[in-house]
Amino acid sequence: MKKKIKFGISFWILLCSLCTVWLNVAAESKELELFHQGNIAYQKDDFSTAIRTYQILIKSGYRSSEVYFNLGNAYFKSDSLAKAIVNYERAKKLNPEDEDIDVNLKTTSIRVVDKMDPVPQIFYKRWLHSLSIAITSESWSILFLVLVWLSFIAALFYILSNSILLKKISFFLIFLFLICSGACFIVAKESHSITEIDKQGIVTASSAYIKSSPGEKGNDLFILHEGAKVDAFEVLNGWQKIRTANGSVGWISLAQLEII
């Protein structure tokens, strides 16, 4: 009797596992088909269909730099400057090393009216930011873990070795790996903050008055135009607090901004 129960349980676990695998394969096949349909529409210069297809794919929960990149290209061909920049930026978040994304983003950004010089940063902050966006936060985290394990291995060599020379080398490696792992942890944390926590947005209106307070009654501080990139903070009554690259702060209607 017990053997039959165990067999039945094992059978149902196996069946559920096979069903899960089949559903995953079916979902992936559908996603690839939608991606292919979007690419075909794009190649035929049917950009509205391509945009609609890529958006369906994204709304289904599928995320990839290729989809966002192609959607950005379709918007660019449709003269939707802000939408193109938004999707290039989203693609860059998922794949910061892709040079094609960088090229298209720079090409598109040339058409943005607002040219703002960023607030100068202390040199080490510039270095930290550059390192943080060089590769993904996941890659930095993996490198951190590798260095931690290497420091443990070096510590074992130090403990188990009878040679004074090997002990000196092991001690030096422990110190080196710990320093490097600490640096990687700091960079990984900054990279995660940039990609997952800190919010940025793109102005989607042809021109938007930035207010001194959240509401139409606020004083007009300055104007931003389509495609301008800003840091985004708190939201209040349908208005987003923003900061431009040159440090100017104000409020913009949520209807005129899209978060990356």
C-alpha atoms as a PDB file:
ATOM      1  CA  MET A   1       0.000   0.000   0.000  1.00  0.00           C
ATOM      2  CA  LYS A   2       2.779   2.406   0.946  1.00  0.00           C
ATOM      3  CA  LYS A   3       4.600   1.615  -2.314  1.00  0.00           C
ATOM      4  CA  LYS A   4       1.461   2.491  -4.303  1.00  0.00           C
ATOM      5  CA  ILE A   5       1.091   5.802  -2.444  1.00  0.00           C
ATOM      6  CA  LYS A   6       4.761   6.652  -3.043  1.00  0.00           C
ATOM      7  CA  PHE A   7       4.394   5.721  -6.709  1.00  0.00           C
ATOM      8  CA  GLY A   8       1.276   7.877  -7.021  1.00  0.00           C
ATOM      9  CA  ILE A   9       2.976  10.865  -5.404  1.00  0.00           C
ATOM     10  CA  SER A  10       6.068  10.440  -7.606  1.00  0.00           C
ATOM     11  CA  PHE A  11       3.858  10.145 -10.689  1.00  0.00           C
ATOM     12  CA  TRP A  12       2.000  13.378  -9.896  1.00  0.00           C
ATOM     13  CA  ILE A  13       5.256  15.247  -9.161  1.00  0.00           C
ATOM     14  CA  LEU A  14       6.665  14.054 -12.492  1.00  0.00           C
ATOM     15  CA  LEU A  15       3.452  14.987 -14.309  1.00  0.00           C
ATOM     16  CA  CYS A  16       3.372  18.465 -12.750  1.00  0.00           C
ATOM     17  CA  SER A  17       7.035  18.985 -13.639  1.00  0.00           C
ATOM     18  CA  LEU A  18       6.406  17.968 -17.248  1.00  0.00           C
ATOM     19  CA  CYS A  19       3.380  20.285 -17.442  1.00  0.00           C
ATOM     20  CA  THR A  20       5.435  23.178 -16.063  1.00  0.00           C
ATOM     21  CA  VAL A  21       8.196  22.565 -18.605  1.00  0.00           C
ATOM     22  CA  TRP A  22       5.646  22.308 -21.428  1.00  0.00           C
ATOM     23  CA  LEU A  23       3.952  25.565 -20.385  1.00  0.00           C
ATOM     24  CA  ASN A  24       7.314  27.361 -20.214  1.00  0.00           C
ATOM     25  CA  VAL A  25       8.289  26.086 -23.650  1.00  0.00           C
ATOM     26  CA  ALA A  26       4.888  27.072 -25.059  1.00  0.00           C
ATOM     27  CA  ALA A  27       5.139  30.578 -23.548  1.00  0.00           C
ATOM     28  CA  GLU A  28       8.672  31.030 -24.873  1.00  0.00           C
ATOM     29  CA  SER A  29       7.595  29.831 -28.310  1.00  0.00           C
ATOM     30  CA  LYS A  30       4.741  32.367 -28.332  1.00  0.00           C
ATOM     31  CA  GLU A  31       7.091  35.163 -27.239  1.00  0.00           C
ATOM     32  CA  LEU A  32       9.597  34.305 -29.968  1.00  0.00           C
ATOM     33  CA  GLU A  33       6.786  34.257 -32.518  1.00  0.00           C
ATOM     34  CA  LEU A  34       5.615  37.725 -31.452  1.00  0.00           C
ATOM     35  CA  PHE A  35       9.186  39.023 -31.586  1.00  0.00           C
ATOM     36  CA  HIS A  36       9.556  37.565 -35.081  1.00  0.00           C
ATOM     37  CA  GLN A  37       6.267  39.165 -36.198  1.00  0.00           C
ATOM     38  CA  GLY A  38       7.413  42.532 -34.891  1.00  0.00           C
ATOM     39  CA  ASN A  39      10.713  42.212 -36.751  1.00  0.00           C
ATOM     40  CA  ILE A  40       8.946  41.335 -40.011  1.00  0.00           C
ATOM     41  CA  ALA A  41       6.623  44.343 -39.662  1.00  0.00           C
ATOM     42  CA  TYR A  42       9.641  46.574 -38.989  1.00  0.00           C
ATOM     43  CA  GLN A  43      11.454  45.266 -42.084  1.00  0.00           C
ATOM     44  CA  LYS A  44       8.363  46.077 -44.153  1.00  0.00           C
ATOM     45  CA  ASP A  45       8.394  49.660 -42.758  1.00  0.00           C
ATOM     46  CA  ASP A  46       5.098  48.951 -40.998  1.00  0.00           C
ATOM     47  CA  PHE A  47       6.324  50.650 -37.847  1.00  0.00           C
ATOM     48  CA  SER A  48       2.915  51.048 -36.166  1.00  0.00           C
ATOM     49  CA  THR A  49       2.345  47.271 -36.333  1.00  0.00           C
ATOM     50  CA  ALA A  50       5.888  46.636 -35.124  1.00  0.00           C
ATOM     51  CA  ILE A  51       5.357  48.961 -32.154  1.00  0.00           C
ATOM     52  CA  ARG A  52       2.037  47.349 -31.289  1.00  0.00           C
ATOM     53  CA  THR A  53       3.543  43.838 -31.484  1.00  0.00           C
ATOM     54  CA  TYR A  54       6.566  44.668 -29.334  1.00  0.00           C
ATOM     55  CA  GLN A  55       4.296  46.336 -26.762  1.00  0.00           C
ATOM     56  CA  ILE A  56       2.102  43.219 -26.553  1.00  0.00           C
ATOM     57  CA  LEU A  57       5.243  41.190 -25.952  1.00  0.00           C
ATOM     58  CA  ILE A  58       6.418  43.518 -23.160  1.00  0.00           C
ATOM     59  CA  LYS A  59       2.967  43.645 -21.539  1.00  0.00           C
ATOM     60  CA  SER A  60       2.981  39.830 -21.414  1.00  0.00           C
ATOM     61  CA  GLY A  61       5.922  40.104 -19.006  1.00  0.00           C
ATOM     62  CA  TYR A  62       8.742  39.445 -21.450  1.00  0.00           C
ATOM     63  CA  ARG A  63      11.827  41.637 -20.886  1.00  0.00           C
ATOM     64  CA  SER A  64      14.928  41.771 -23.061  1.00  0.00           C
ATOM     65  CA  SER A  65      17.271  44.442 -24.348  1.00  0.00           C
ATOM     66  CA  GLU A  66      16.601  43.276 -27.936  1.00  0.00           C
ATOM     67  CA  VAL A  67      12.856  43.945 -27.670  1.00  0.00           C
ATOM     68  CA  TYR A  68      13.335  47.392 -26.123  1.00  0.00           C
ATOM     69  CA  PHE A  69      16.054  48.211 -28.674  1.00  0.00           C
ATOM     70  CA  ASN A  70      13.852  47.236 -31.620  1.00  0.00           C
ATOM     71  CA  LEU A  71      10.899  49.105 -30.114  1.00  0.00           C
ATOM     72  CA  GLY A  72      13.124  52.173 -29.779  1.00  0.00           C
ATOM     73  CA  ASN A  73      14.109  51.838 -33.435  1.00  0.00           C
ATOM     74  CA  ALA A  74      10.456  51.584 -34.485  1.00  0.00           C
ATOM     75  CA  TYR A  75       9.580  54.716 -32.502  1.00  0.00           C
ATOM     76  CA  PHE A  76      12.585  56.538 -33.968  1.00  0.00           C
ATOM     77  CA  LYS A  77      11.432  55.671 -37.498  1.00  0.00           C
ATOM     78  CA  SER A  78       7.986  56.958 -36.518  1.00  0.00           C
ATOM     79  CA  ASP A  79       9.506  60.298 -35.366  1.00  0.00           C
ATOM     80  CA  SER A  80       8.533  59.639 -31.740  1.00  0.00           C
ATOM     81  CA  LEU A  81      11.694  61.037 -30.212  1.00  0.00           C
ATOM     82  CA  ALA A  82      10.829  60.668 -26.509  1.00  0.00           C
ATOM     83  CA  LYS A  83       9.461  57.122 -26.868  1.00  0.00           C
ATOM     84  CA  ALA A  84      12.585  56.097 -28.786  1.00  0.00           C
ATOM     85  CA  ILE A  85      14.874  57.442 -26.045  1.00  0.00           C
ATOM     86  CA  VAL A  86      12.811  55.803 -23.286  1.00  0.00           C
ATOM     87  CA  ASN A  87      13.144  52.377 -24.879  1.00  0.00           C
ATOM     88  CA  TYR A  88      16.828  52.779 -25.730  1.00  0.00           C
ATOM     89  CA  GLU A  89      17.414  53.672 -22.078  1.00  0.00           C
ATOM     90  CA  ARG A  90      15.453  50.606 -20.949  1.00  0.00           C
ATOM     91  CA  ALA A  91      17.499  48.437 -23.302  1.00  0.00           C
ATOM     92  CA  LYS A  92      20.705  49.966 -21.925  1.00  0.00           C
ATOM     93  CA  LYS A  93      19.663  49.125 -18.364  1.00  0.00           C
ATOM     94  CA  LEU A  94      19.373  45.464 -19.315  1.00  0.00           C
ATOM     95  CA  ASN A  95      22.525  45.401 -21.435  1.00  0.00           C
ATOM     96  CA  PRO A  96      24.885  48.295 -20.627  1.00  0.00           C
ATOM     97  CA  GLU A  97      27.749  46.812 -22.687  1.00  0.00           C
ATOM     98  CA  ASP A  98      25.850  46.866 -26.022  1.00  0.00           C
ATOM     99  CA  GLU A  99      27.562  49.390 -28.297  1.00  0.00           C
ATOM    100  CA  ASP A 100      24.649  49.505 -30.768  1.00  0.00           C
ATOM    101  CA  ILE A 101      22.369  50.789 -28.018  1.00  0.00           C
ATOM    102  CA  ASP A 102      24.899  53.496 -27.134  1.00  0.00           C
ATOM    103  CA  VAL A 103      25.224  54.587 -30.778  1.00  0.00           C
ATOM    104  CA  ASN A 104      21.461  54.836 -31.337  1.00  0.00           C
ATOM    105  CA  LEU A 105      20.934  56.573 -28.015  1.00  0.00           C
ATOM    106  CA  LYS A 106      23.560  59.193 -28.825  1.00  0.00           C
ATOM    107  CA  THR A 107      22.187  59.647 -32.348  1.00  0.00           C
ATOM    108  CA  THR A 108      18.668  60.163 -31.008  1.00  0.00           C
ATOM    109  CA  SER A 109      19.788  62.456 -28.186  1.00  0.00           C
ATOM    110  CA  ILE A 110      21.350  64.859 -30.713  1.00  0.00           C
ATOM    111  CA  ARG A 111      17.810  65.865 -31.698  1.00  0.00           C
ATOM    112  CA  VAL A 112      16.875  66.817 -28.128  1.00  0.00           C
ATOM    113  CA  VAL A 113      16.450  70.591 -27.811  1.00  0.00           C
ATOM    114  CA  ASP A 114      17.602  70.929 -24.189  1.00  0.00           C
ATOM    115  CA  LYS A 115      21.386  70.724 -23.902  1.00  0.00           C
ATOM    116  CA  MET A 116      22.347  70.888 -20.237  1.00  0.00           C
ATOM    117  CA  ASP A 117      25.806  70.622 -18.760  1.00  0.00           C
ATOM    118  CA  PRO A 118      25.734  68.225 -15.799  1.00  0.00           C
ATOM    119  CA  VAL A 119      26.691  69.427 -12.334  1.00  0.00           C
ATOM    120  CA  PRO A 120      30.428  68.651 -11.856  1.00  0.00           C
ATOM    121  CA  GLN A 121      31.075  65.673  -9.611  1.00  0.00           C
ATOM    122  CA  ILE A 122      34.049  64.833  -7.419  1.00  0.00           C
ATOM    123  CA  PHE A 123      36.483  62.691  -9.399  1.00  0.00           C
ATOM    124  CA  TYR A 124      35.931  59.502  -7.343  1.00  0.00           C
ATOM    125  CA  LYS A 125      32.157  59.763  -7.831  1.00  0.00           C
ATOM    126  CA  ARG A 126      32.698  60.024 -11.595  1.00  0.00           C
ATOM    127  CA  TRP A 127      34.909  56.926 -11.484  1.00  0.00           C
ATOM    128  CA  LEU A 128      32.381  55.039  -9.362  1.00  0.00           C
ATOM    129  CA  HIS A 129      29.540  55.925 -11.732  1.00  0.00           C
ATOM    130  CA  SER A 130      31.572  54.927 -14.800  1.00  0.00           C
ATOM    131  CA  LEU A 131      32.457  51.568 -13.256  1.00  0.00           C
ATOM    132  CA  SER A 132      28.873  50.992 -12.120  1.00  0.00           C
ATOM    133  CA  ILE A 133      27.438  51.281 -15.618  1.00  0.00           C
ATOM    134  CA  ALA A 134      30.304  49.452 -17.339  1.00  0.00           C
ATOM    135  CA  ILE A 135      28.660  46.065 -16.672  1.00  0.00           C
ATOM    136  CA  THR A 136      25.452  44.899 -14.985  1.00  0.00           C
ATOM    137  CA  SER A 137      25.002  44.815 -11.215  1.00  0.00           C
ATOM    138  CA  GLU A 138      24.639  41.021 -11.472  1.00  0.00           C
ATOM    139  CA  SER A 139      28.094  40.783 -13.065  1.00  0.00           C
ATOM    140  CA  TRP A 140      29.616  42.920 -10.304  1.00  0.00           C
ATOM    141  CA  SER A 141      27.915  40.727  -7.684  1.00  0.00           C
ATOM    142  CA  ILE A 142      29.312  37.560  -9.273  1.00  0.00           C
ATOM    143  CA  LEU A 143      32.786  39.089  -9.347  1.00  0.00           C
ATOM    144  CA  PHE A 144      32.402  40.013  -5.661  1.00  0.00           C
ATOM    145  CA  LEU A 145      31.498  36.421  -4.742  1.00  0.00           C
ATOM    146  CA  VAL A 146      34.411  35.030  -6.795  1.00  0.00           C
ATOM    147  CA  LEU A 147      36.860  37.304  -4.977  1.00  0.00           C
ATOM    148  CA  VAL A 148      35.431  36.332  -1.582  1.00  0.00           C
ATOM    149  CA  TRP A 149      35.902  32.644  -2.412  1.00  0.00           C
ATOM    150  CA  LEU A 150      39.433  33.310  -3.609  1.00  0.00           C
ATOM    151  CA  SER A 151      40.212  35.015  -0.308  1.00  0.00           C
ATOM    152  CA  PHE A 152      38.930  31.919   1.537  1.00  0.00           C
ATOM    153  CA  ILE A 153      41.098  29.650  -0.618  1.00  0.00           C
ATOM    154  CA  ALA A 154      44.116  31.872   0.026  1.00  0.00           C
ATOM    155  CA  ALA A 155      43.345  31.713   3.760  1.00  0.00           C
ATOM    156  CA  LEU A 156      43.320  27.897   3.605  1.00  0.00           C
ATOM    157  CA  PHE A 157      46.721  27.939   1.894  1.00  0.00           C
ATOM    158  CA  TYR A 158      47.975  30.256   4.632  1.00  0.00           C
ATOM    159  CA  ILE A 159      46.719  27.953   7.406  1.00  0.00           C
ATOM    160  CA  LEU A 160      47.772  24.632   5.866  1.00  0.00           C
ATOM    161  CA  SER A 161      51.090  25.614   4.301  1.00  0.00           C
ATOM    162  CA  ASN A 162      54.341  24.905   6.118  1.00  0.00           C
ATOM    163  CA  SER A 163      56.404  27.096   3.805  1.00  0.00           C
ATOM    164  CA  ILE A 164      57.161  30.620   5.032  1.00  0.00           C
ATOM    165  CA  LEU A 165      57.241  31.879   1.407  1.00  0.00           C
ATOM    166  CA  LEU A 166      53.817  30.386   0.648  1.00  0.00           C
ATOM    167  CA  LYS A 167      52.442  31.863   3.866  1.00  0.00           C
ATOM    168  CA  LYS A 168      53.691  35.324   2.834  1.00  0.00           C
ATOM    169  CA  ILE A 169      52.217  34.959  -0.662  1.00  0.00           C
ATOM    170  CA  SER A 170      48.916  33.663   0.764  1.00  0.00           C
ATOM    171  CA  PHE A 171      48.724  36.530   3.258  1.00  0.00           C
ATOM    172  CA  PHE A 172      49.322  39.049   0.462  1.00  0.00           C
ATOM    173  CA  LEU A 173      46.623  37.392  -1.690  1.00  0.00           C
ATOM    174  CA  ILE A 174      44.145  37.396   1.207  1.00  0.00           C
ATOM    175  CA  PHE A 175      44.706  41.116   1.661  1.00  0.00           C
ATOM    176  CA  LEU A 176      44.473  41.762  -2.107  1.00  0.00           C
ATOM    177  CA  PHE A 177      41.288  39.707  -2.632  1.00  0.00           C
ATOM    178  CA  LEU A 178      39.556  41.283   0.382  1.00  0.00           C
ATOM    179  CA  ILE A 179      40.369  44.796  -0.819  1.00  0.00           C
ATOM    180  CA  CYS A 180      39.154  43.978  -4.340  1.00  0.00           C
ATOM    181  CA  SER A 181      35.994  42.246  -3.061  1.00  0.00           C
ATOM    182  CA  GLY A 182      35.199  45.281  -0.905  1.00  0.00           C
ATOM    183  CA  ALA A 183      35.587  47.548  -3.927  1.00  0.00           C
ATOM    184  CA  CYS A 184      33.370  45.244  -6.011  1.00  0.00           C
ATOM    185  CA  PHE A 185      30.705  45.288  -3.294  1.00  0.00           C
ATOM    186  CA  ILE A 186      30.635  49.097  -3.338  1.00  0.00           C
ATOM    187  CA  VAL A 187      30.431  49.204  -7.144  1.00  0.00           C
ATOM    188  CA  ALA A 188      27.752  46.446  -7.244  1.00  0.00           C
ATOM    189  CA  LYS A 189      25.672  48.374  -4.709  1.00  0.00           C
ATOM    190  CA  GLU A 190      26.003  51.577  -6.750  1.00  0.00           C
ATOM    191  CA  SER A 191      25.163  49.715  -9.970  1.00  0.00           C
ATOM    192  CA  HIS A 192      22.049  48.195  -8.359  1.00  0.00           C
ATOM    193  CA  SER A 193      21.020  51.626  -7.113  1.00  0.00           C
ATOM    194  CA  ILE A 194      21.400  53.157 -10.586  1.00  0.00           C
ATOM    195  CA  THR A 195      19.468  50.422 -12.406  1.00  0.00           C
ATOM    196  CA  GLU A 196      16.848  49.382  -9.840  1.00  0.00           C
ATOM    197  CA  ILE A 197      16.330  52.134  -7.254  1.00  0.00           C
ATOM    198  CA  ASP A 198      17.173  55.541  -8.706  1.00  0.00           C
ATOM    199  CA  LYS A 199      14.474  56.633 -11.134  1.00  0.00           C
ATOM    200  CA  GLN A 200      14.909  58.658 -14.285  1.00  0.00           C
ATOM    201  CA  GLY A 201      12.345  59.864 -16.761  1.00  0.00           C
ATOM    202  CA  ILE A 202      12.030  61.308 -20.254  1.00  0.00           C
ATOM    203  CA  VAL A 203       9.865  64.320 -21.051  1.00  0.00           C
ATOM    204  CA  THR A 204       7.257  63.181 -23.589  1.00  0.00           C
ATOM    205  CA  ALA A 205       5.489  66.522 -24.217  1.00  0.00           C
ATOM    206  CA  SER A 206       6.753  68.780 -26.998  1.00  0.00           C
ATOM    207  CA  SER A 207       7.257  71.390 -24.273  1.00  0.00           C
ATOM    208  CA  ALA A 208       6.501  71.267 -20.557  1.00  0.00           C
ATOM    209  CA  TYR A 209       6.485  74.072 -17.992  1.00  0.00           C
ATOM    210  CA  ILE A 210       8.257  72.982 -14.831  1.00  0.00           C
ATOM    211  CA  LYS A 211       6.447  74.302 -11.760  1.00  0.00           C
ATOM    212  CA  SER A 212       7.684  75.466  -8.367  1.00  0.00           C
ATOM    213  CA  SER A 213       5.060  73.270  -6.632  1.00  0.00           C
ATOM    214  CA  PRO A 214       2.898  70.272  -7.577  1.00  0.00           C
ATOM    215  CA  GLY A 215      -0.060  71.857  -9.383  1.00  0.00           C
ATOM    216  CA  GLU A 216      -1.065  74.239 -12.126  1.00  0.00           C
ATOM    217  CA  LYS A 217      -1.004  77.136  -9.646  1.00  0.00           C
ATOM    218  CA  GLY A 218       2.729  76.751  -9.082  1.00  0.00           C
ATOM    219  CA  ASN A 219       5.046  79.339 -10.628  1.00  0.00           C
ATOM    220  CA  ASP A 220       6.687  78.519 -13.960  1.00  0.00           C
ATOM    221  CA  LEU A 221      10.396  77.923 -13.287  1.00  0.00           C
ATOM    222  CA  PHE A 222      11.653  76.803 -16.697  1.00  0.00           C
ATOM    223  CA  ILE A 223      10.666  74.823 -19.782  1.00  0.00           C
ATOM    224  CA  LEU A 224      11.784  71.363 -20.850  1.00  0.00           C
ATOM    225  CA  HIS A 225      11.250  69.890 -24.288  1.00  0.00           C
ATOM    226  CA  GLU A 226      10.604  66.440 -25.694  1.00  0.00           C
ATOM    227  CA  GLY A 227      13.374  63.942 -25.012  1.00  0.00           C
ATOM    228  CA  ALA A 228      14.930  65.726 -22.021  1.00  0.00           C
ATOM    229  CA  LYS A 229      16.219  63.272 -19.419  1.00  0.00           C
ATOM    230  CA  VAL A 230      15.653  64.019 -15.721  1.00  0.00           C
ATOM    231  CA  ASP A 231      16.028  62.377 -12.323  1.00  0.00           C
ATOM    232  CA  ALA A 232      12.640  61.515 -10.811  1.00  0.00           C
ATOM    233  CA  PHE A 233      11.768  61.622  -7.118  1.00  0.00           C
ATOM    234  CA  GLU A 234       8.500  61.806  -5.178  1.00  0.00           C
ATOM    235  CA  VAL A 235       5.011  61.877  -6.718  1.00  0.00           C
ATOM    236  CA  LEU A 236       2.235  64.089  -5.340  1.00  0.00           C
ATOM    237  CA  ASN A 237      -1.269  64.658  -6.723  1.00  0.00           C
ATOM    238  CA  GLY A 238      -0.352  63.617 -10.257  1.00  0.00           C
ATOM    239  CA  TRP A 239       2.903  65.593 -10.310  1.00  0.00           C
ATOM    240  CA  GLN A 240       6.480  64.314 -10.272  1.00  0.00           C
ATOM    241  CA  LYS A 241       9.361  66.091  -8.598  1.00  0.00           C
ATOM    242  CA  ILE A 242      12.355  66.136 -10.946  1.00  0.00           C
ATOM    243  CA  ARG A 243      15.930  67.351 -11.179  1.00  0.00           C
ATOM    244  CA  THR A 244      17.678  68.189 -14.437  1.00  0.00           C
ATOM    245  CA  ALA A 245      21.302  67.395 -15.291  1.00  0.00           C
ATOM    246  CA  ASN A 246      22.356  70.954 -14.386  1.00  0.00           C
ATOM    247  CA  GLY A 247      20.739  70.686 -10.929  1.00  0.00           C
ATOM    248  CA  SER A 248      17.479  72.598 -11.507  1.00  0.00           C
ATOM    249  CA  VAL A 249      14.568  71.196  -9.464  1.00  0.00           C
ATOM    250  CA  GLY A 250      10.822  71.468 -10.043  1.00  0.00           C
ATOM    251  CA  TRP A 251       7.565  69.626 -10.637  1.00  0.00           C
ATOM    252  CA  ILE A 252       6.187  68.209 -13.885  1.00  0.00           C
ATOM    253  CA  SER A 253       2.798  66.670 -14.660  1.00  0.00           C
ATOM    254  CA  LEU A 254       2.943  62.880 -14.796  1.00  0.00           C
ATOM    255  CA  ALA A 255       1.167  63.051 -18.138  1.00  0.00           C
ATOM    256  CA  GLN A 256       4.230  64.781 -19.598  1.00  0.00           C
ATOM    257  CA  LEU A 257       6.821  62.335 -18.298  1.00  0.00           C
ATOM    258  CA  GLU A 258       7.583  58.637 -18.793  1.00  0.00           C
ATOM    259  CA  ILE A 259       9.738  56.784 -16.292  1.00  0.00           C
ATOM    260  CA  ILE A 260      12.529  54.726 -17.841  1.00  0.00           C
END
